[in-house]
C-alpha cells in the first residue's frame, strides 16, 4: 500500500534526505502551462516522467524504464506528484511493484481538488500549501 504524504512533509524529506527525490508524473502540457515545483532552494529539481501520455492519456509503457534511466534505484525515496494525487498514486504503486520499496504519493498533488468555483490550487496540494513553484 502506498503512503500519502502531505506536501510540506515532502519538502522536509527532500531537504533532509539526499536519497529523496520528486518525480512529477504529469504531462508536458501541464508542466508548460500550469507550472511545477521549484526545488532549487534544496539544490534539486523534479524528475519529469509522465505516467500518461498527452493527448491520448494512455499509460506510458516506458514509465518504469524511464525511472531507471533517470538513475533511480531501490535505495531512493521517490515522491510522486500529479495534479490531484490520482495518477501519482498509480505511478507509486507501479514503482513499488517494480522493486522501488520507498515510493510515496504526494497527497492532493500539485493543484489539489477544485474549490467551490471549480478552481484548483486554492484548497489543498503543493500550490495551496504555499510551497515554491514556477512557470516554465
N, C-alpha and C. Protein backbone atom coordinates (compact mmCIF):
# COMPACT_ATOMS: atom_id res chain seq x y z
N UNK A 1 0.84 -1.18 0.00
CA UNK A 1 0.00 0.00 0.00
C UNK A 1 0.89 1.25 0.00
N UNK A 2 0.51 2.22 -0.78
CA UNK A 2 1.28 3.45 -0.93
C UNK A 2 0.86 4.45 0.14
N UNK A 3 1.85 5.05 0.77
CA UNK A 3 1.59 6.08 1.78
C UNK A 3 1.39 7.43 1.10
N UNK A 4 0.33 8.15 1.52
CA UNK A 4 0.11 9.52 1.08
C UNK A 4 0.86 10.45 2.02
N UNK A 5 1.65 11.35 1.47
CA UNK A 5 2.47 12.25 2.28
C UNK A 5 2.08 13.69 1.94
N UNK A 6 1.82 14.49 2.96
CA UNK A 6 1.45 15.89 2.77
C UNK A 6 2.60 16.65 2.10
N UNK A 7 2.29 17.62 1.25
CA UNK A 7 3.34 18.36 0.55
C UNK A 7 4.40 18.96 1.47
N UNK A 8 4.03 19.53 2.59
CA UNK A 8 5.02 20.13 3.49
C UNK A 8 5.97 19.06 4.04
N UNK A 9 5.46 17.86 4.29
CA UNK A 9 6.32 16.76 4.74
C UNK A 9 7.27 16.32 3.64
N UNK A 10 6.80 16.36 2.40
CA UNK A 10 7.65 16.01 1.26
C UNK A 10 8.78 17.03 1.16
N UNK A 11 8.47 18.31 1.32
CA UNK A 11 9.50 19.35 1.28
C UNK A 11 10.58 19.06 2.31
N UNK A 12 10.17 18.71 3.54
CA UNK A 12 11.13 18.39 4.59
C UNK A 12 11.97 17.18 4.22
N UNK A 13 11.32 16.14 3.71
CA UNK A 13 12.05 14.93 3.33
C UNK A 13 13.07 15.24 2.23
N UNK A 14 12.67 16.04 1.25
CA UNK A 14 13.59 16.40 0.18
C UNK A 14 14.76 17.22 0.71
N UNK A 15 14.51 18.04 1.71
CA UNK A 15 15.56 18.87 2.30
C UNK A 15 16.52 18.05 3.15
N UNK A 16 16.01 17.06 3.86
CA UNK A 16 16.80 16.33 4.85
C UNK A 16 17.46 15.05 4.32
N UNK A 17 16.89 14.45 3.30
CA UNK A 17 17.37 13.16 2.83
C UNK A 17 17.96 13.29 1.42
N UNK A 18 19.26 13.11 1.28
CA UNK A 18 19.85 13.20 -0.07
C UNK A 18 19.34 12.14 -1.03
N UNK A 19 18.75 11.06 -0.51
CA UNK A 19 18.21 10.00 -1.37
C UNK A 19 16.73 10.23 -1.69
N UNK A 20 16.17 11.35 -1.26
CA UNK A 20 14.76 11.68 -1.54
C UNK A 20 14.68 12.50 -2.83
N UNK A 21 13.75 12.10 -3.69
CA UNK A 21 13.58 12.75 -4.98
C UNK A 21 12.10 12.88 -5.31
N UNK A 22 11.75 13.93 -6.04
CA UNK A 22 10.39 14.10 -6.53
C UNK A 22 10.34 13.65 -7.98
N UNK A 23 9.27 12.91 -8.30
CA UNK A 23 9.01 12.52 -9.68
C UNK A 23 7.64 13.10 -10.06
N UNK A 24 7.65 14.08 -10.93
CA UNK A 24 6.43 14.73 -11.39
C UNK A 24 5.92 13.94 -12.58
N UNK A 25 4.75 13.30 -12.43
CA UNK A 25 4.24 12.38 -13.45
C UNK A 25 3.18 13.00 -14.35
N UNK A 26 3.05 14.32 -14.29
CA UNK A 26 2.07 14.98 -15.14
C UNK A 26 2.56 15.00 -16.59
N UNK A 27 1.83 15.69 -17.43
CA UNK A 27 2.16 15.74 -18.86
C UNK A 27 2.97 17.00 -19.18
N UNK A 28 3.60 16.98 -20.35
CA UNK A 28 4.36 18.14 -20.80
C UNK A 28 3.48 19.39 -20.85
N UNK A 29 2.24 19.23 -21.27
CA UNK A 29 1.32 20.38 -21.32
C UNK A 29 1.12 20.96 -19.92
N UNK A 30 0.99 20.12 -18.91
CA UNK A 30 0.82 20.61 -17.53
C UNK A 30 2.08 21.31 -17.04
N UNK A 31 3.25 20.72 -17.32
CA UNK A 31 4.50 21.36 -16.88
C UNK A 31 4.65 22.74 -17.54
N UNK A 32 4.25 22.82 -18.80
CA UNK A 32 4.42 24.07 -19.55
C UNK A 32 3.41 25.13 -19.14
N UNK A 33 2.14 24.76 -19.00
CA UNK A 33 1.08 25.76 -18.81
C UNK A 33 0.61 25.94 -17.37
N UNK A 34 0.82 24.96 -16.52
CA UNK A 34 0.34 25.05 -15.14
C UNK A 34 1.48 25.41 -14.18
N UNK A 35 2.68 24.95 -14.48
CA UNK A 35 3.83 25.19 -13.62
C UNK A 35 4.29 23.92 -12.96
N UNK A 36 5.35 24.03 -12.17
CA UNK A 36 5.87 22.84 -11.49
C UNK A 36 6.62 23.26 -10.24
N UNK A 37 6.80 22.32 -9.31
CA UNK A 37 7.50 22.64 -8.06
C UNK A 37 8.92 23.13 -8.32
N UNK A 38 9.31 24.13 -7.58
CA UNK A 38 10.65 24.69 -7.69
C UNK A 38 11.47 24.23 -6.49
N UNK A 39 12.36 23.28 -6.72
CA UNK A 39 13.17 22.71 -5.66
C UNK A 39 14.58 23.30 -5.64
N UNK A 40 14.79 24.40 -6.33
CA UNK A 40 16.13 25.00 -6.44
C UNK A 40 16.73 25.32 -5.08
N UNK A 41 15.92 25.77 -4.13
CA UNK A 41 16.43 26.10 -2.79
C UNK A 41 17.01 24.87 -2.09
N UNK A 42 16.61 23.69 -2.55
CA UNK A 42 17.12 22.43 -1.98
C UNK A 42 18.26 21.86 -2.81
N UNK A 43 18.59 22.54 -3.90
CA UNK A 43 19.62 22.02 -4.79
C UNK A 43 19.14 20.83 -5.60
N UNK A 44 17.83 20.73 -5.81
CA UNK A 44 17.24 19.61 -6.54
C UNK A 44 16.27 20.14 -7.58
N UNK A 45 15.86 19.24 -8.46
CA UNK A 45 14.78 19.54 -9.38
C UNK A 45 13.95 18.29 -9.57
N UNK A 46 12.66 18.45 -9.83
CA UNK A 46 11.82 17.26 -10.03
C UNK A 46 12.22 16.52 -11.30
N UNK A 47 12.18 15.21 -11.23
CA UNK A 47 12.30 14.41 -12.45
C UNK A 47 10.93 14.46 -13.12
N UNK A 48 10.90 14.70 -14.42
CA UNK A 48 9.64 14.78 -15.14
C UNK A 48 9.48 13.54 -16.01
N UNK A 49 8.62 12.63 -15.54
CA UNK A 49 8.37 11.37 -16.24
C UNK A 49 6.86 11.15 -16.25
N UNK A 50 6.24 11.33 -17.38
CA UNK A 50 4.78 11.23 -17.47
C UNK A 50 4.29 9.82 -17.20
N UNK A 51 3.24 9.73 -16.39
CA UNK A 51 2.56 8.45 -16.16
C UNK A 51 1.65 8.14 -17.34
N UNK A 52 1.00 9.18 -17.87
CA UNK A 52 0.14 9.05 -19.04
C UNK A 52 0.64 10.01 -20.11
N UNK A 53 0.45 9.63 -21.37
CA UNK A 53 0.96 10.42 -22.48
C UNK A 53 -0.16 11.26 -23.08
N UNK A 54 0.06 12.56 -23.12
CA UNK A 54 -0.89 13.52 -23.69
C UNK A 54 -0.80 13.47 -25.21
N UNK A 55 -1.87 13.57 -26.00
CA UNK A 55 -3.23 13.88 -25.58
C UNK A 55 -4.12 12.65 -25.37
N UNK A 56 -3.64 11.47 -25.76
CA UNK A 56 -4.48 10.26 -25.63
C UNK A 56 -4.68 9.85 -24.18
N UNK A 57 -3.72 10.23 -23.32
CA UNK A 57 -3.73 9.89 -21.89
C UNK A 57 -3.67 8.38 -21.66
N UNK A 58 -2.93 7.70 -22.55
CA UNK A 58 -2.66 6.28 -22.36
C UNK A 58 -1.49 6.15 -21.39
N UNK A 59 -1.45 5.05 -20.64
CA UNK A 59 -0.35 4.80 -19.71
C UNK A 59 0.97 4.77 -20.50
N UNK A 60 1.96 5.42 -19.97
CA UNK A 60 3.29 5.46 -20.57
C UNK A 60 3.94 4.09 -20.40
N UNK A 61 4.04 3.33 -21.46
CA UNK A 61 4.62 1.99 -21.41
C UNK A 61 6.10 1.98 -21.04
N UNK A 62 6.75 3.12 -21.14
CA UNK A 62 8.17 3.23 -20.81
C UNK A 62 8.40 3.82 -19.43
N UNK A 63 7.34 3.99 -18.65
CA UNK A 63 7.45 4.69 -17.37
C UNK A 63 8.54 4.09 -16.47
N UNK A 64 8.49 2.80 -16.24
CA UNK A 64 9.46 2.17 -15.34
C UNK A 64 10.88 2.23 -15.91
N UNK A 65 11.02 2.05 -17.21
CA UNK A 65 12.34 2.16 -17.84
C UNK A 65 12.87 3.59 -17.68
N UNK A 66 11.99 4.58 -17.78
CA UNK A 66 12.41 5.97 -17.64
C UNK A 66 12.83 6.28 -16.21
N UNK A 67 12.20 5.63 -15.23
CA UNK A 67 12.64 5.79 -13.84
C UNK A 67 14.08 5.30 -13.69
N UNK A 68 14.35 4.15 -14.26
CA UNK A 68 15.70 3.59 -14.19
C UNK A 68 16.68 4.44 -14.97
N UNK A 69 16.28 4.92 -16.15
CA UNK A 69 17.15 5.78 -16.96
C UNK A 69 17.49 7.07 -16.23
N UNK A 70 16.57 7.54 -15.38
CA UNK A 70 16.81 8.76 -14.59
C UNK A 70 17.82 8.50 -13.48
N UNK A 71 18.18 7.23 -13.29
CA UNK A 71 19.20 6.90 -12.30
C UNK A 71 18.67 6.49 -10.94
N UNK A 72 17.36 6.34 -10.82
CA UNK A 72 16.79 5.96 -9.53
C UNK A 72 17.04 4.48 -9.25
N UNK A 73 17.26 4.17 -7.98
CA UNK A 73 17.49 2.80 -7.54
C UNK A 73 16.53 2.48 -6.40
N UNK A 74 16.43 1.22 -6.00
CA UNK A 74 15.57 0.86 -4.87
C UNK A 74 15.94 1.55 -3.56
N UNK A 75 17.15 2.07 -3.44
CA UNK A 75 17.56 2.79 -2.23
C UNK A 75 16.97 4.20 -2.15
N UNK A 76 16.52 4.73 -3.28
CA UNK A 76 15.98 6.09 -3.31
C UNK A 76 14.57 6.14 -2.74
N UNK A 77 14.23 7.29 -2.18
CA UNK A 77 12.88 7.57 -1.70
C UNK A 77 12.24 8.46 -2.75
N UNK A 78 11.23 7.94 -3.43
CA UNK A 78 10.61 8.63 -4.56
C UNK A 78 9.23 9.14 -4.17
N UNK A 79 9.04 10.43 -4.31
CA UNK A 79 7.77 11.10 -4.01
C UNK A 79 7.13 11.49 -5.32
N UNK A 80 5.99 10.85 -5.64
CA UNK A 80 5.33 11.04 -6.92
C UNK A 80 4.26 12.13 -6.83
N UNK A 81 4.23 13.00 -7.85
CA UNK A 81 3.34 14.15 -7.88
C UNK A 81 2.57 14.19 -9.20
N UNK A 82 1.27 14.49 -9.12
CA UNK A 82 0.47 14.79 -10.31
C UNK A 82 -0.42 15.99 -9.96
N UNK A 83 -1.47 16.21 -10.70
CA UNK A 83 -2.34 17.36 -10.44
C UNK A 83 -3.07 17.24 -9.11
N UNK A 84 -3.68 16.05 -8.87
CA UNK A 84 -4.55 15.90 -7.71
C UNK A 84 -4.20 14.74 -6.79
N UNK A 85 -3.23 13.92 -7.18
CA UNK A 85 -2.85 12.77 -6.37
C UNK A 85 -3.37 11.44 -6.86
N UNK A 86 -4.04 11.42 -8.01
CA UNK A 86 -4.60 10.16 -8.53
C UNK A 86 -3.58 9.45 -9.42
N UNK A 87 -3.10 10.12 -10.45
CA UNK A 87 -2.10 9.50 -11.33
C UNK A 87 -0.84 9.15 -10.56
N UNK A 88 -0.45 10.03 -9.66
CA UNK A 88 0.78 9.79 -8.89
C UNK A 88 0.63 8.57 -7.98
N UNK A 89 -0.56 8.32 -7.49
CA UNK A 89 -0.81 7.12 -6.68
C UNK A 89 -0.56 5.87 -7.52
N UNK A 90 -1.10 5.87 -8.73
CA UNK A 90 -0.91 4.72 -9.63
C UNK A 90 0.57 4.55 -10.00
N UNK A 91 1.25 5.66 -10.22
CA UNK A 91 2.68 5.59 -10.55
C UNK A 91 3.47 5.03 -9.37
N UNK A 92 3.15 5.46 -8.16
CA UNK A 92 3.84 4.95 -6.97
C UNK A 92 3.57 3.46 -6.78
N UNK A 93 2.34 3.04 -7.03
CA UNK A 93 2.01 1.61 -6.94
C UNK A 93 2.84 0.80 -7.93
N UNK A 94 2.95 1.32 -9.16
CA UNK A 94 3.73 0.62 -10.18
C UNK A 94 5.21 0.57 -9.78
N UNK A 95 5.71 1.64 -9.19
CA UNK A 95 7.11 1.67 -8.76
C UNK A 95 7.36 0.65 -7.67
N UNK A 96 6.46 0.56 -6.71
CA UNK A 96 6.61 -0.43 -5.64
C UNK A 96 6.60 -1.84 -6.22
N UNK A 97 5.66 -2.10 -7.13
CA UNK A 97 5.56 -3.42 -7.75
C UNK A 97 6.82 -3.76 -8.55
N UNK A 98 7.52 -2.74 -9.04
CA UNK A 98 8.72 -2.95 -9.85
C UNK A 98 10.00 -3.01 -9.00
N UNK A 99 9.85 -2.93 -7.68
CA UNK A 99 11.03 -3.08 -6.83
C UNK A 99 11.58 -1.81 -6.22
N UNK A 100 10.81 -0.73 -6.26
CA UNK A 100 11.19 0.52 -5.59
C UNK A 100 10.37 0.61 -4.30
N UNK A 101 10.90 0.11 -3.18
CA UNK A 101 10.09 0.00 -1.97
C UNK A 101 9.75 1.32 -1.28
N UNK A 102 10.50 2.38 -1.59
CA UNK A 102 10.28 3.67 -0.94
C UNK A 102 9.62 4.63 -1.92
N UNK A 103 8.39 4.28 -2.33
CA UNK A 103 7.63 5.12 -3.26
C UNK A 103 6.42 5.68 -2.52
N UNK A 104 6.22 6.98 -2.64
CA UNK A 104 5.17 7.67 -1.89
C UNK A 104 4.35 8.54 -2.84
N UNK A 105 3.10 8.76 -2.46
CA UNK A 105 2.22 9.63 -3.21
C UNK A 105 2.14 10.98 -2.49
N UNK A 106 2.30 12.08 -3.24
CA UNK A 106 2.16 13.40 -2.63
C UNK A 106 0.67 13.71 -2.58
N UNK A 107 0.13 13.77 -1.36
CA UNK A 107 -1.30 13.96 -1.14
C UNK A 107 -1.79 15.25 -1.80
N UNK A 108 -2.88 15.15 -2.51
CA UNK A 108 -3.55 16.27 -3.19
C UNK A 108 -2.75 16.86 -4.34
N UNK A 109 -1.59 16.30 -4.65
CA UNK A 109 -0.85 16.70 -5.84
C UNK A 109 -0.42 18.15 -5.88
N UNK A 110 -0.23 18.64 -7.08
CA UNK A 110 0.26 20.00 -7.30
C UNK A 110 -0.84 21.03 -7.10
N UNK A 111 -2.05 20.72 -7.60
CA UNK A 111 -3.14 21.70 -7.56
C UNK A 111 -4.28 21.34 -6.62
N UNK A 112 -4.38 20.09 -6.21
CA UNK A 112 -5.45 19.69 -5.30
C UNK A 112 -6.83 19.67 -5.95
N UNK A 113 -7.85 19.47 -5.11
CA UNK A 113 -9.22 19.42 -5.64
C UNK A 113 -9.73 20.82 -5.98
N UNK A 114 -10.78 20.89 -6.78
CA UNK A 114 -11.33 22.20 -7.11
C UNK A 114 -12.06 22.82 -5.91
N UNK A 115 -12.06 24.15 -5.87
CA UNK A 115 -12.80 24.86 -4.83
C UNK A 115 -14.26 25.01 -5.26
N UNK A 116 -15.05 25.77 -4.53
CA UNK A 116 -16.48 25.93 -4.82
C UNK A 116 -16.73 26.52 -6.21
N UNK A 117 -15.78 27.30 -6.72
CA UNK A 117 -15.93 27.90 -8.05
C UNK A 117 -15.30 27.05 -9.15
N UNK A 118 -14.76 25.89 -8.77
CA UNK A 118 -14.16 24.99 -9.76
C UNK A 118 -12.70 25.28 -10.06
N UNK A 119 -12.06 26.13 -9.27
CA UNK A 119 -10.65 26.46 -9.48
C UNK A 119 -9.76 25.57 -8.62
N UNK A 120 -8.65 25.14 -9.19
CA UNK A 120 -7.70 24.32 -8.44
C UNK A 120 -6.56 25.19 -7.92
N UNK A 121 -5.87 24.69 -6.90
CA UNK A 121 -4.71 25.38 -6.38
C UNK A 121 -4.98 26.24 -5.16
N UNK A 122 -6.22 26.21 -4.67
CA UNK A 122 -6.56 27.06 -3.52
C UNK A 122 -6.98 26.27 -2.29
N UNK A 123 -7.34 25.01 -2.46
CA UNK A 123 -7.89 24.20 -1.36
C UNK A 123 -6.81 23.36 -0.67
N UNK A 124 -6.06 22.63 -1.43
CA UNK A 124 -5.04 21.72 -0.90
C UNK A 124 -4.03 21.45 -2.00
N UNK A 125 -2.92 20.83 -1.62
CA UNK A 125 -1.88 20.49 -2.58
C UNK A 125 -0.68 21.41 -2.46
N UNK A 126 0.31 21.15 -3.31
CA UNK A 126 1.59 21.86 -3.28
C UNK A 126 1.40 23.37 -3.34
N UNK A 127 0.64 23.85 -4.33
CA UNK A 127 0.45 25.29 -4.51
C UNK A 127 -0.31 25.90 -3.33
N UNK A 128 -1.38 25.25 -2.90
CA UNK A 128 -2.20 25.78 -1.81
C UNK A 128 -1.43 25.85 -0.50
N UNK A 129 -0.45 24.97 -0.31
CA UNK A 129 0.36 25.00 0.91
C UNK A 129 1.46 26.05 0.85
N UNK A 130 1.53 26.78 -0.26
CA UNK A 130 2.49 27.87 -0.38
C UNK A 130 3.92 27.42 -0.61
N UNK A 131 4.10 26.22 -1.11
CA UNK A 131 5.45 25.72 -1.39
C UNK A 131 5.94 26.30 -2.73
N UNK A 132 7.25 26.41 -2.90
CA UNK A 132 7.78 27.06 -4.11
C UNK A 132 7.37 26.35 -5.40
N UNK A 133 7.01 27.15 -6.38
CA UNK A 133 6.70 26.65 -7.71
C UNK A 133 6.95 27.78 -8.70
N UNK A 134 7.03 27.38 -9.97
CA UNK A 134 7.24 28.39 -11.00
C UNK A 134 6.66 27.92 -12.33
N UNK A 135 6.57 28.88 -13.22
CA UNK A 135 6.17 28.57 -14.61
C UNK A 135 7.44 28.24 -15.36
N UNK A 136 7.32 27.51 -16.43
CA UNK A 136 8.48 27.19 -17.27
C UNK A 136 8.96 28.39 -18.02
